[in-house]
Structure formats: C-alpha cells, structure tokens
Amino acid sequence: MLILQVQIHVLPESIEAFRAATIENVTHSLQEPGIARFDFLQHAEDPNRFSLCEVYRDDAAAAAHRASAHWAKWTETVAPMMAEPRVRTWYKTIFPGDEAW
C-alpha cells in the first residue's frame, strides 16, 4: 500500500468552496478500484488547514488517480484557493500490513 498525506492551507474566504470541490473529488476518488481509503480532514483549531489521507493499493492506482478527470478538475479548481502550495508526503504501510486493507 502507498499512503499519501497532503497538507493544505486554504485562504479564509475560500473555505466553503474548497470543501465543496474536495468533497466532490473524494466522492469520485472512492469509486476508483485502486483506492482503499480517502479521508478529507479539517484542522480542529485552524479551519483554514486541511489534510487528505489517500491510501492506494499500488503505484498504478496512484498514477490512475492522477490521470483521472476529477483529479484534474479538482487541482485546477482549488489552486487559486490555496494560501501556499500544498505539501505532499508519501508513506508505505508497516502495521497493519497490506492484507488488513
């Protein structure tokens, strides 16, 4: 499994539009067969900060997601809403093992 955590800082005036665009993207993403999980989180103390936690079954699934129309639409839509570039960090599972997903 590959896990991508994305940290996003959104402009205050864009919070609701960002939430709507991201929920649409997550909804479509969860229909992809290579995605085991896709969480969209808002920081409890700073409502301008969000996280995505995306769990892919393999490299091909991650590549397929980045090639999807809904991902392209999301990146174009939310780019002007960001206060700074998003930070992406890739992880591999240790425990539980891949079989637990």
N, C-alpha and C. Protein backbone atom coordinates (compact mmCIF):
# COMPACT_ATOMS: atom_id res chain seq x y z
N MET A 1 0.83 -1.18 0.00
CA MET A 1 0.00 0.00 0.00
C MET A 1 0.88 1.25 0.00
N LEU A 2 0.40 2.26 -0.64
CA LEU A 2 1.04 3.57 -0.62
C LEU A 2 0.07 4.54 0.01
N ILE A 3 0.57 5.34 0.92
CA ILE A 3 -0.28 6.31 1.60
C ILE A 3 0.27 7.69 1.32
N LEU A 4 -0.60 8.57 0.86
CA LEU A 4 -0.24 9.95 0.60
C LEU A 4 -0.96 10.83 1.61
N GLN A 5 -0.19 11.63 2.32
CA GLN A 5 -0.79 12.64 3.19
C GLN A 5 -0.49 14.00 2.58
N VAL A 6 -1.55 14.79 2.44
CA VAL A 6 -1.43 16.10 1.83
C VAL A 6 -1.89 17.13 2.85
N GLN A 7 -1.04 18.12 3.09
CA GLN A 7 -1.38 19.23 3.98
C GLN A 7 -1.71 20.44 3.12
N ILE A 8 -2.85 21.07 3.40
CA ILE A 8 -3.34 22.16 2.57
C ILE A 8 -3.75 23.34 3.45
N HIS A 9 -3.25 24.52 3.08
CA HIS A 9 -3.60 25.77 3.77
C HIS A 9 -4.44 26.59 2.79
N VAL A 10 -5.69 26.84 3.16
CA VAL A 10 -6.66 27.49 2.28
C VAL A 10 -6.89 28.93 2.73
N LEU A 11 -7.10 29.80 1.77
CA LEU A 11 -7.44 31.19 2.09
C LEU A 11 -8.77 31.23 2.84
N PRO A 12 -8.91 32.09 3.85
CA PRO A 12 -10.13 32.09 4.67
C PRO A 12 -11.41 32.27 3.86
N GLU A 13 -11.37 33.09 2.83
CA GLU A 13 -12.57 33.34 2.03
C GLU A 13 -12.92 32.17 1.10
N SER A 14 -12.06 31.17 1.03
CA SER A 14 -12.27 30.04 0.12
C SER A 14 -12.65 28.74 0.82
N ILE A 15 -12.81 28.77 2.13
CA ILE A 15 -13.04 27.53 2.88
C ILE A 15 -14.23 26.73 2.35
N GLU A 16 -15.37 27.36 2.21
CA GLU A 16 -16.57 26.62 1.80
C GLU A 16 -16.45 26.10 0.38
N ALA A 17 -15.92 26.90 -0.54
CA ALA A 17 -15.74 26.45 -1.92
C ALA A 17 -14.72 25.31 -1.98
N PHE A 18 -13.66 25.40 -1.18
CA PHE A 18 -12.66 24.34 -1.13
C PHE A 18 -13.28 23.05 -0.61
N ARG A 19 -14.05 23.16 0.44
CA ARG A 19 -14.70 21.97 1.00
C ARG A 19 -15.59 21.30 -0.04
N ALA A 20 -16.40 22.09 -0.74
CA ALA A 20 -17.32 21.54 -1.75
C ALA A 20 -16.55 20.86 -2.88
N ALA A 21 -15.52 21.51 -3.40
CA ALA A 21 -14.74 20.94 -4.50
C ALA A 21 -14.03 19.67 -4.06
N THR A 22 -13.54 19.66 -2.84
CA THR A 22 -12.79 18.49 -2.37
C THR A 22 -13.73 17.33 -2.07
N ILE A 23 -14.88 17.59 -1.53
CA ILE A 23 -15.86 16.52 -1.30
C ILE A 23 -16.26 15.88 -2.63
N GLU A 24 -16.43 16.69 -3.66
CA GLU A 24 -16.74 16.14 -4.98
C GLU A 24 -15.61 15.24 -5.47
N ASN A 25 -14.36 15.70 -5.31
CA ASN A 25 -13.21 14.90 -5.74
C ASN A 25 -13.12 13.60 -4.94
N VAL A 26 -13.27 13.68 -3.64
CA VAL A 26 -13.18 12.49 -2.79
C VAL A 26 -14.28 11.48 -3.15
N THR A 27 -15.48 11.97 -3.40
CA THR A 27 -16.60 11.10 -3.76
C THR A 27 -16.27 10.30 -5.02
N HIS A 28 -15.72 10.96 -6.03
CA HIS A 28 -15.34 10.26 -7.26
C HIS A 28 -14.14 9.35 -7.02
N SER A 29 -13.19 9.82 -6.22
CA SER A 29 -11.98 9.04 -5.96
C SER A 29 -12.29 7.71 -5.29
N LEU A 30 -13.24 7.71 -4.38
CA LEU A 30 -13.59 6.48 -3.67
C LEU A 30 -14.21 5.42 -4.58
N GLN A 31 -14.59 5.81 -5.79
CA GLN A 31 -15.13 4.85 -6.76
C GLN A 31 -14.02 4.18 -7.57
N GLU A 32 -12.79 4.67 -7.45
CA GLU A 32 -11.67 4.06 -8.15
C GLU A 32 -11.29 2.74 -7.47
N PRO A 33 -11.13 1.67 -8.25
CA PRO A 33 -10.83 0.37 -7.64
C PRO A 33 -9.48 0.31 -6.91
N GLY A 34 -8.54 1.15 -7.27
CA GLY A 34 -7.22 1.12 -6.65
C GLY A 34 -7.08 1.93 -5.38
N ILE A 35 -8.16 2.59 -4.98
CA ILE A 35 -8.12 3.39 -3.75
C ILE A 35 -8.80 2.61 -2.63
N ALA A 36 -8.04 2.36 -1.57
CA ALA A 36 -8.57 1.62 -0.42
C ALA A 36 -9.24 2.55 0.58
N ARG A 37 -8.78 3.80 0.62
CA ARG A 37 -9.33 4.76 1.57
C ARG A 37 -8.95 6.16 1.11
N PHE A 38 -9.81 7.14 1.42
CA PHE A 38 -9.54 8.52 1.05
C PHE A 38 -10.25 9.40 2.06
N ASP A 39 -9.50 9.97 2.99
CA ASP A 39 -10.07 10.79 4.06
C ASP A 39 -9.80 12.27 3.80
N PHE A 40 -10.79 13.09 4.10
CA PHE A 40 -10.69 14.54 3.97
C PHE A 40 -10.94 15.12 5.36
N LEU A 41 -9.93 15.82 5.91
CA LEU A 41 -9.98 16.29 7.29
C LEU A 41 -9.77 17.80 7.36
N GLN A 42 -10.44 18.43 8.32
CA GLN A 42 -10.23 19.85 8.60
C GLN A 42 -9.65 19.98 10.00
N HIS A 43 -8.63 20.81 10.12
CA HIS A 43 -7.94 21.00 11.40
C HIS A 43 -8.94 21.51 12.44
N ALA A 44 -8.89 20.95 13.63
CA ALA A 44 -9.84 21.29 14.70
C ALA A 44 -9.65 22.71 15.22
N GLU A 45 -8.43 23.23 15.20
CA GLU A 45 -8.15 24.54 15.77
C GLU A 45 -7.91 25.63 14.73
N ASP A 46 -7.60 25.26 13.50
CA ASP A 46 -7.36 26.23 12.43
C ASP A 46 -8.19 25.81 11.22
N PRO A 47 -9.38 26.39 11.05
CA PRO A 47 -10.27 25.96 9.98
C PRO A 47 -9.75 26.21 8.57
N ASN A 48 -8.64 26.92 8.43
CA ASN A 48 -8.04 27.18 7.12
C ASN A 48 -7.12 26.04 6.68
N ARG A 49 -6.91 25.07 7.55
CA ARG A 49 -5.97 23.98 7.25
C ARG A 49 -6.71 22.65 7.12
N PHE A 50 -6.34 21.92 6.08
CA PHE A 50 -6.97 20.65 5.75
C PHE A 50 -5.91 19.59 5.51
N SER A 51 -6.33 18.33 5.58
CA SER A 51 -5.46 17.21 5.24
C SER A 51 -6.24 16.22 4.39
N LEU A 52 -5.53 15.59 3.49
CA LEU A 52 -6.05 14.46 2.75
C LEU A 52 -5.18 13.26 3.11
N CYS A 53 -5.80 12.14 3.35
CA CYS A 53 -5.07 10.90 3.58
C CYS A 53 -5.60 9.90 2.57
N GLU A 54 -4.75 9.58 1.59
CA GLU A 54 -5.15 8.75 0.46
C GLU A 54 -4.37 7.44 0.52
N VAL A 55 -5.09 6.33 0.46
CA VAL A 55 -4.46 5.01 0.53
C VAL A 55 -4.67 4.30 -0.80
N TYR A 56 -3.55 4.04 -1.48
CA TYR A 56 -3.56 3.40 -2.80
C TYR A 56 -3.07 1.96 -2.69
N ARG A 57 -3.64 1.08 -3.47
CA ARG A 57 -3.23 -0.32 -3.45
C ARG A 57 -1.85 -0.54 -4.05
N ASP A 58 -1.45 0.34 -4.99
CA ASP A 58 -0.14 0.22 -5.62
C ASP A 58 0.18 1.48 -6.41
N ASP A 59 1.36 1.51 -7.02
CA ASP A 59 1.79 2.67 -7.80
C ASP A 59 0.84 2.95 -8.97
N ALA A 60 0.37 1.89 -9.60
CA ALA A 60 -0.54 2.06 -10.74
C ALA A 60 -1.83 2.75 -10.33
N ALA A 61 -2.33 2.44 -9.14
CA ALA A 61 -3.55 3.07 -8.65
C ALA A 61 -3.34 4.56 -8.41
N ALA A 62 -2.18 4.91 -7.86
CA ALA A 62 -1.86 6.33 -7.64
C ALA A 62 -1.75 7.06 -8.98
N ALA A 63 -1.12 6.43 -9.95
CA ALA A 63 -0.98 7.04 -11.28
C ALA A 63 -2.34 7.20 -11.95
N ALA A 64 -3.19 6.20 -11.81
CA ALA A 64 -4.52 6.27 -12.40
C ALA A 64 -5.33 7.41 -11.79
N HIS A 65 -5.18 7.59 -10.49
CA HIS A 65 -5.89 8.69 -9.83
C HIS A 65 -5.43 10.04 -10.38
N ARG A 66 -4.13 10.22 -10.52
CA ARG A 66 -3.60 11.49 -11.03
C ARG A 66 -3.97 11.72 -12.50
N ALA A 67 -4.34 10.66 -13.20
CA ALA A 67 -4.75 10.78 -14.59
C ALA A 67 -6.27 10.96 -14.75
N SER A 68 -7.01 10.92 -13.65
CA SER A 68 -8.47 10.99 -13.73
C SER A 68 -8.95 12.42 -14.00
N ALA A 69 -10.11 12.51 -14.63
CA ALA A 69 -10.71 13.81 -14.93
C ALA A 69 -11.09 14.55 -13.65
N HIS A 70 -11.58 13.83 -12.65
CA HIS A 70 -12.00 14.51 -11.42
C HIS A 70 -10.80 15.08 -10.66
N TRP A 71 -9.64 14.42 -10.72
CA TRP A 71 -8.44 14.96 -10.07
C TRP A 71 -7.98 16.23 -10.80
N ALA A 72 -7.98 16.19 -12.13
CA ALA A 72 -7.58 17.36 -12.91
C ALA A 72 -8.51 18.54 -12.63
N LYS A 73 -9.80 18.27 -12.56
CA LYS A 73 -10.77 19.33 -12.25
C LYS A 73 -10.52 19.90 -10.86
N TRP A 74 -10.27 19.01 -9.90
CA TRP A 74 -10.04 19.47 -8.53
C TRP A 74 -8.79 20.36 -8.45
N THR A 75 -7.68 19.91 -9.03
CA THR A 75 -6.44 20.69 -8.93
C THR A 75 -6.59 22.06 -9.57
N GLU A 76 -7.28 22.12 -10.69
CA GLU A 76 -7.50 23.41 -11.36
C GLU A 76 -8.42 24.31 -10.54
N THR A 77 -9.47 23.72 -9.98
CA THR A 77 -10.46 24.49 -9.22
C THR A 77 -9.88 25.05 -7.93
N VAL A 78 -9.11 24.24 -7.19
CA VAL A 78 -8.67 24.67 -5.86
C VAL A 78 -7.34 25.44 -5.87
N ALA A 79 -6.62 25.43 -6.95
CA ALA A 79 -5.31 26.12 -6.98
C ALA A 79 -5.39 27.57 -6.51
N PRO A 80 -6.35 28.37 -6.99
CA PRO A 80 -6.39 29.76 -6.52
C PRO A 80 -6.92 29.92 -5.09
N MET A 81 -7.38 28.85 -4.49
CA MET A 81 -7.91 28.91 -3.12
C MET A 81 -6.84 28.71 -2.07
N MET A 82 -5.66 28.29 -2.48
CA MET A 82 -4.61 27.93 -1.52
C MET A 82 -3.78 29.13 -1.10
N ALA A 83 -3.52 29.20 0.20
CA ALA A 83 -2.69 30.27 0.76
C ALA A 83 -1.22 30.02 0.50
N GLU A 84 -0.85 28.77 0.26
CA GLU A 84 0.52 28.36 -0.03
C GLU A 84 0.45 27.01 -0.73
N PRO A 85 1.52 26.60 -1.40
CA PRO A 85 1.49 25.30 -2.07
C PRO A 85 1.23 24.16 -1.09
N ARG A 86 0.49 23.17 -1.55
CA ARG A 86 0.20 22.02 -0.69
C ARG A 86 1.47 21.18 -0.51
N VAL A 87 1.53 20.50 0.63
CA VAL A 87 2.69 19.67 0.95
C VAL A 87 2.26 18.22 0.87
N ARG A 88 2.96 17.44 0.05
CA ARG A 88 2.62 16.03 -0.17
C ARG A 88 3.73 15.16 0.38
N THR A 89 3.34 14.14 1.17
CA THR A 89 4.30 13.21 1.74
C THR A 89 3.79 11.79 1.52
N TRP A 90 4.64 10.95 0.91
CA TRP A 90 4.31 9.55 0.64
C TRP A 90 4.83 8.65 1.76
N TYR A 91 4.03 7.63 2.10
CA TYR A 91 4.39 6.64 3.10
C TYR A 91 4.09 5.24 2.57
N LYS A 92 4.72 4.25 3.17
CA LYS A 92 4.40 2.84 2.94
C LYS A 92 3.94 2.25 4.27
N THR A 93 3.02 1.32 4.21
CA THR A 93 2.49 0.74 5.44
C THR A 93 3.51 -0.17 6.12
N ILE A 94 3.46 -0.17 7.44
CA ILE A 94 4.24 -1.10 8.25
C ILE A 94 3.27 -1.99 9.02
N PHE A 95 2.42 -1.36 9.81
CA PHE A 95 1.45 -2.11 10.59
C PHE A 95 0.17 -1.30 10.68
N PRO A 96 -0.98 -1.86 10.41
CA PRO A 96 -1.16 -3.24 9.98
C PRO A 96 -0.63 -3.44 8.57
N GLY A 97 -0.37 -4.66 8.21
CA GLY A 97 0.14 -4.98 6.87
C GLY A 97 -0.90 -4.74 5.79
N ASP A 98 -0.44 -4.82 4.56
CA ASP A 98 -1.32 -4.58 3.42
C ASP A 98 -2.57 -5.46 3.42
N GLU A 99 -2.43 -6.68 3.93
CA GLU A 99 -3.57 -7.60 3.93
C GLU A 99 -4.73 -7.10 4.79
N ALA A 100 -4.46 -6.18 5.72
CA ALA A 100 -5.52 -5.64 6.59
C ALA A 100 -6.40 -4.63 5.87
N TRP A 101 -5.95 -4.13 4.72
CA TRP A 101 -6.74 -3.13 3.99
C TRP A 101 -7.75 -3.83 3.13
